[in-house]
């Protein structure tokens, strides 16, 4: 997609809630062949509005932003403007960032340590109908696909727990620490703590001992034999 080949540059919008980061990305893209930055947004709401106004070819989308995060913005853009592709450009490559973004319709996923050449390749790839994934993300997808599916949560989890909160509860009942749970689920320790806080609030639990007893009582885990 080089201008030397006579092709029109890809029209790109940059979305990031951090002004310095956003301006830095815009400056970098301005130096790259085959890309024309036509707008920049500080959150998902502004991104959706700009896409409707400017009809870009590609949106480079951050994920964790106020008002409307990158996943929801991606979902809305892909539903309302299917001619615009989304490439995620984020600090995070954990499962709870990657897979929701891909399910929402993102065709590319890069981390912010990506170089200019990698960004250009991702933009070219998604505009050609292919996925624009960094090597790190490709490896994570292959690892995930090669893993056996975890046991499914009950159809109706108690007290409105989500499937992931139920999974965390079961692992607590198995005696795993927050760090061990994070490694097993391929998420950050902070994400595990968030799930624990949420499930404790929903189930009215005060500590891990209560959580273990709760998991036994609800049939989510079995007490050790003997």
Protein backbone atom coordinates (compact mmCIF):
# COMPACT_ATOMS: atom_id res chain seq x y z
CA UNK A 1 0.00 0.00 0.00
CA UNK A 2 2.72 2.43 -0.89
CA UNK A 3 2.13 5.70 -2.64
CA UNK A 4 4.89 4.70 -5.06
CA UNK A 5 2.68 1.86 -6.24
CA UNK A 6 -0.03 4.37 -7.05
CA UNK A 7 -2.36 3.37 -4.24
CA UNK A 8 -4.33 5.82 -2.15
CA UNK A 9 -3.09 6.04 1.45
CA UNK A 10 -5.22 4.37 4.10
CA UNK A 11 -7.29 6.93 6.00
CA UNK A 12 -6.76 6.30 9.73
CA UNK A 13 -8.23 7.57 13.00
CA UNK A 14 -6.20 7.23 16.22
CA UNK A 15 -8.05 6.61 19.50
CA UNK A 16 -6.28 6.87 22.87
CA UNK A 17 -7.32 8.59 26.10
CA UNK A 18 -3.77 9.71 26.95
CA UNK A 19 -3.02 12.94 25.08
CA UNK A 20 0.75 12.46 24.95
CA UNK A 21 0.42 8.88 23.69
CA UNK A 22 -2.24 9.84 21.15
CA UNK A 23 -0.19 12.74 19.78
CA UNK A 24 2.90 10.54 19.64
CA UNK A 25 1.09 7.88 17.61
CA UNK A 26 -0.30 10.52 15.26
CA UNK A 27 3.20 11.93 14.77
CA UNK A 28 4.64 8.46 14.10
CA UNK A 29 1.92 7.59 11.60
CA UNK A 30 2.52 10.87 9.79
CA UNK A 31 6.01 9.63 8.95
CA UNK A 32 4.87 6.27 7.60
CA UNK A 33 4.16 5.53 3.93
CA UNK A 34 0.66 4.56 2.93
CA UNK A 35 -1.11 6.09 5.94
CA UNK A 36 -3.00 9.38 6.26
CA UNK A 37 -4.23 10.34 9.74
CA UNK A 38 -7.62 12.01 9.31
CA UNK A 39 -8.64 12.32 12.96
CA UNK A 40 -7.91 11.51 16.59
CA UNK A 41 -10.21 10.77 19.53
CA UNK A 42 -9.78 10.62 23.29
CA UNK A 43 -12.41 7.97 24.06
CA UNK A 44 -14.77 5.47 22.47
CA UNK A 45 -17.74 7.84 22.23
CA UNK A 46 -15.68 10.37 20.30
CA UNK A 47 -14.28 7.59 18.13
CA UNK A 48 -17.74 6.39 17.09
CA UNK A 49 -18.75 9.96 16.27
CA UNK A 50 -15.61 10.57 14.20
CA UNK A 51 -16.05 7.35 12.25
CA UNK A 52 -19.59 8.41 11.32
CA UNK A 53 -18.29 11.82 10.28
CA UNK A 54 -15.06 10.89 8.47
CA UNK A 55 -15.61 7.29 7.27
CA UNK A 56 -11.97 6.21 7.76
CA UNK A 57 -10.57 2.97 6.41
CA UNK A 58 -9.04 1.92 9.74
CA UNK A 59 -9.30 2.89 13.40
CA UNK A 60 -6.29 2.32 15.66
CA UNK A 61 -8.11 1.66 18.92
CA UNK A 62 -6.89 1.78 22.52
CA UNK A 63 -8.89 -0.46 24.89
CA UNK A 64 -9.04 1.00 28.40
CA UNK A 65 -10.66 4.42 28.18
CA UNK A 66 -13.33 6.39 30.06
CA UNK A 67 -16.97 6.79 28.99
CA UNK A 68 -16.84 4.10 26.31
CA UNK A 69 -13.99 1.57 26.24
CA UNK A 70 -12.32 0.22 23.14
CA UNK A 71 -14.24 -3.05 23.05
CA UNK A 72 -17.64 -1.35 23.09
CA UNK A 73 -16.49 1.27 20.59
CA UNK A 74 -15.21 -1.48 18.29
CA UNK A 75 -18.53 -3.32 18.54
CA UNK A 76 -20.48 -0.19 17.64
CA UNK A 77 -18.18 0.82 14.80
CA UNK A 78 -18.26 -2.62 13.21
CA UNK A 79 -22.06 -2.80 13.53
CA UNK A 80 -22.77 0.71 12.28
CA UNK A 81 -19.87 1.20 9.83
CA UNK A 82 -18.81 -2.20 8.45
CA UNK A 83 -16.55 -0.54 5.89
CA UNK A 84 -14.23 0.64 8.66
CA UNK A 85 -11.76 -1.88 10.07
CA UNK A 86 -10.42 -1.76 13.64
CA UNK A 87 -6.87 -2.52 14.74
CA UNK A 88 -6.38 -2.53 18.49
CA UNK A 89 -3.22 -0.75 19.67
CA UNK A 90 -2.91 -1.26 23.41
CA UNK A 91 -0.51 -1.89 26.26
CA UNK A 92 -2.31 -5.11 27.19
CA UNK A 93 -2.04 -8.56 25.60
CA UNK A 94 -3.80 -10.59 28.30
CA UNK A 95 -6.75 -12.83 27.44
CA UNK A 96 -9.32 -10.49 28.99
CA UNK A 97 -8.23 -7.71 26.64
CA UNK A 98 -7.47 -9.76 23.53
CA UNK A 99 -10.46 -12.05 23.13
CA UNK A 100 -13.27 -9.54 23.86
CA UNK A 101 -11.71 -7.15 21.34
CA UNK A 102 -11.55 -9.84 18.65
CA UNK A 103 -15.11 -10.96 19.41
CA UNK A 104 -16.24 -7.34 19.09
CA UNK A 105 -14.92 -7.29 15.53
CA UNK A 106 -11.33 -6.06 15.69
CA UNK A 107 -9.34 -7.49 12.77
CA UNK A 108 -5.95 -6.53 14.13
CA UNK A 109 -4.30 -6.46 17.54
CA UNK A 110 -0.95 -4.84 18.33
CA UNK A 111 0.74 -3.83 21.54
CA UNK A 112 2.18 -0.33 21.91
CA UNK A 113 5.74 -1.55 21.57
CA UNK A 114 4.98 -2.24 17.90
CA UNK A 115 7.21 -0.42 15.42
CA UNK A 116 6.05 1.67 12.50
CA UNK A 117 6.60 -1.13 9.98
CA UNK A 118 4.46 -3.47 12.07
CA UNK A 119 1.63 -0.93 12.21
CA UNK A 120 1.76 -0.45 8.44
CA UNK A 121 1.65 -4.22 7.89
CA UNK A 122 -1.35 -4.56 10.21
CA UNK A 123 -3.23 -1.79 8.41
CA UNK A 124 -2.44 -3.35 5.03
CA UNK A 125 -3.48 -6.77 6.26
CA UNK A 126 -6.90 -5.75 7.57
CA UNK A 127 -7.65 -3.75 4.44
CA UNK A 128 -6.77 -6.85 2.39
CA UNK A 129 -9.22 -8.95 4.37
CA UNK A 130 -6.63 -10.63 6.57
CA UNK A 131 -5.89 -10.43 10.28
CA UNK A 132 -3.28 -7.94 11.45
CA UNK A 133 -1.88 -9.57 14.57
CA UNK A 134 1.49 -9.08 16.24
CA UNK A 135 3.65 -12.22 16.57
CA UNK A 136 3.07 -12.16 20.34
CA UNK A 137 -0.70 -12.14 19.88
CA UNK A 138 -0.54 -14.88 17.24
CA UNK A 139 1.38 -17.07 19.69
CA UNK A 140 -1.22 -16.42 22.40
CA UNK A 141 -4.05 -17.38 20.06
CA UNK A 142 -2.31 -20.61 19.08
CA UNK A 143 -1.65 -21.42 22.75
CA UNK A 144 -5.30 -20.80 23.59
CA UNK A 145 -6.53 -22.95 20.72
CA UNK A 146 -4.22 -25.79 21.75
CA UNK A 147 -5.49 -25.81 25.34
CA UNK A 148 -8.38 -28.04 26.40
CA UNK A 149 -11.55 -26.15 27.14
CA UNK A 150 -11.98 -25.43 30.87
CA UNK A 151 -14.95 -27.05 32.60
CA UNK A 152 -18.09 -25.09 31.89
CA UNK A 153 -19.72 -23.15 34.69
CA UNK A 154 -23.25 -24.04 35.77
CA UNK A 155 -25.93 -22.75 33.41
CA UNK A 156 -27.20 -20.45 36.14
CA UNK A 157 -24.44 -19.41 38.50
CA UNK A 158 -25.59 -18.48 42.01
CA UNK A 159 -26.12 -14.85 43.04
CA UNK A 160 -25.55 -13.58 39.51
CA UNK A 161 -21.90 -14.58 39.33
CA UNK A 162 -20.40 -14.43 35.86
CA UNK A 163 -18.74 -17.49 34.34
CA UNK A 164 -15.29 -16.01 35.01
CA UNK A 165 -16.18 -15.07 38.61
CA UNK A 166 -17.41 -18.64 39.15
CA UNK A 167 -14.18 -19.98 37.67
CA UNK A 168 -12.14 -17.81 40.04
CA UNK A 169 -14.26 -18.97 42.99
CA UNK A 170 -13.64 -22.62 42.12
CA UNK A 171 -9.89 -21.98 41.96
CA UNK A 172 -10.01 -20.27 45.35
CA UNK A 173 -11.76 -23.37 46.70
CA UNK A 174 -8.93 -25.46 45.24
CA UNK A 175 -6.50 -23.45 47.36
CA UNK A 176 -4.84 -21.38 44.64
CA UNK A 177 -3.37 -17.97 45.47
CA UNK A 178 -4.18 -14.86 43.44
CA UNK A 179 -0.87 -15.18 41.60
CA UNK A 180 -1.53 -18.84 40.79
CA UNK A 181 -5.04 -18.03 39.57
CA UNK A 182 -3.64 -15.24 37.38
CA UNK A 183 -1.11 -17.61 35.80
CA UNK A 184 -3.72 -20.32 35.24
CA UNK A 185 -6.21 -17.95 33.60
CA UNK A 186 -3.52 -15.94 31.74
CA UNK A 187 -4.67 -12.64 33.23
CA UNK A 188 -3.09 -10.08 35.54
CA UNK A 189 -3.19 -10.34 39.34
CA UNK A 190 -5.12 -7.05 39.36
CA UNK A 191 -7.80 -8.63 37.17
CA UNK A 192 -8.07 -11.58 39.55
CA UNK A 193 -8.49 -9.18 42.50
CA UNK A 194 -11.27 -7.38 40.63
CA UNK A 195 -13.12 -10.66 40.04
CA UNK A 196 -12.69 -11.62 43.70
CA UNK A 197 -14.03 -8.26 44.90
CA UNK A 198 -17.02 -8.59 42.58
CA UNK A 199 -17.89 -12.15 43.56
CA UNK A 200 -17.43 -11.38 47.29
CA UNK A 201 -19.85 -8.45 46.93
CA UNK A 202 -22.44 -10.47 45.01
CA UNK A 203 -22.32 -13.47 47.34
CA UNK A 204 -21.96 -11.47 50.58
CA UNK A 205 -18.57 -13.00 51.41
CA UNK A 206 -15.98 -11.46 53.73
CA UNK A 207 -12.91 -13.64 53.22
CA UNK A 208 -11.49 -16.64 51.35
CA UNK A 209 -12.59 -19.10 54.04
CA UNK A 210 -16.20 -18.03 53.53
CA UNK A 211 -15.68 -18.23 49.77
CA UNK A 212 -14.51 -21.85 50.08
CA UNK A 213 -17.51 -22.82 52.21
CA UNK A 214 -19.80 -21.02 49.76
CA UNK A 215 -18.33 -22.92 46.80
CA UNK A 216 -18.90 -26.22 48.63
CA UNK A 217 -22.46 -25.28 49.62
CA UNK A 218 -23.40 -24.30 46.07
CA UNK A 219 -21.93 -27.47 44.59
CA UNK A 220 -19.27 -25.57 42.64
CA UNK A 221 -16.42 -27.46 44.33
CA UNK A 222 -16.03 -30.59 46.42
CA UNK A 223 -14.37 -30.72 49.83
CA UNK A 224 -11.16 -32.77 49.86
CA UNK A 225 -11.73 -36.44 50.65
CA UNK A 226 -11.08 -37.51 54.22
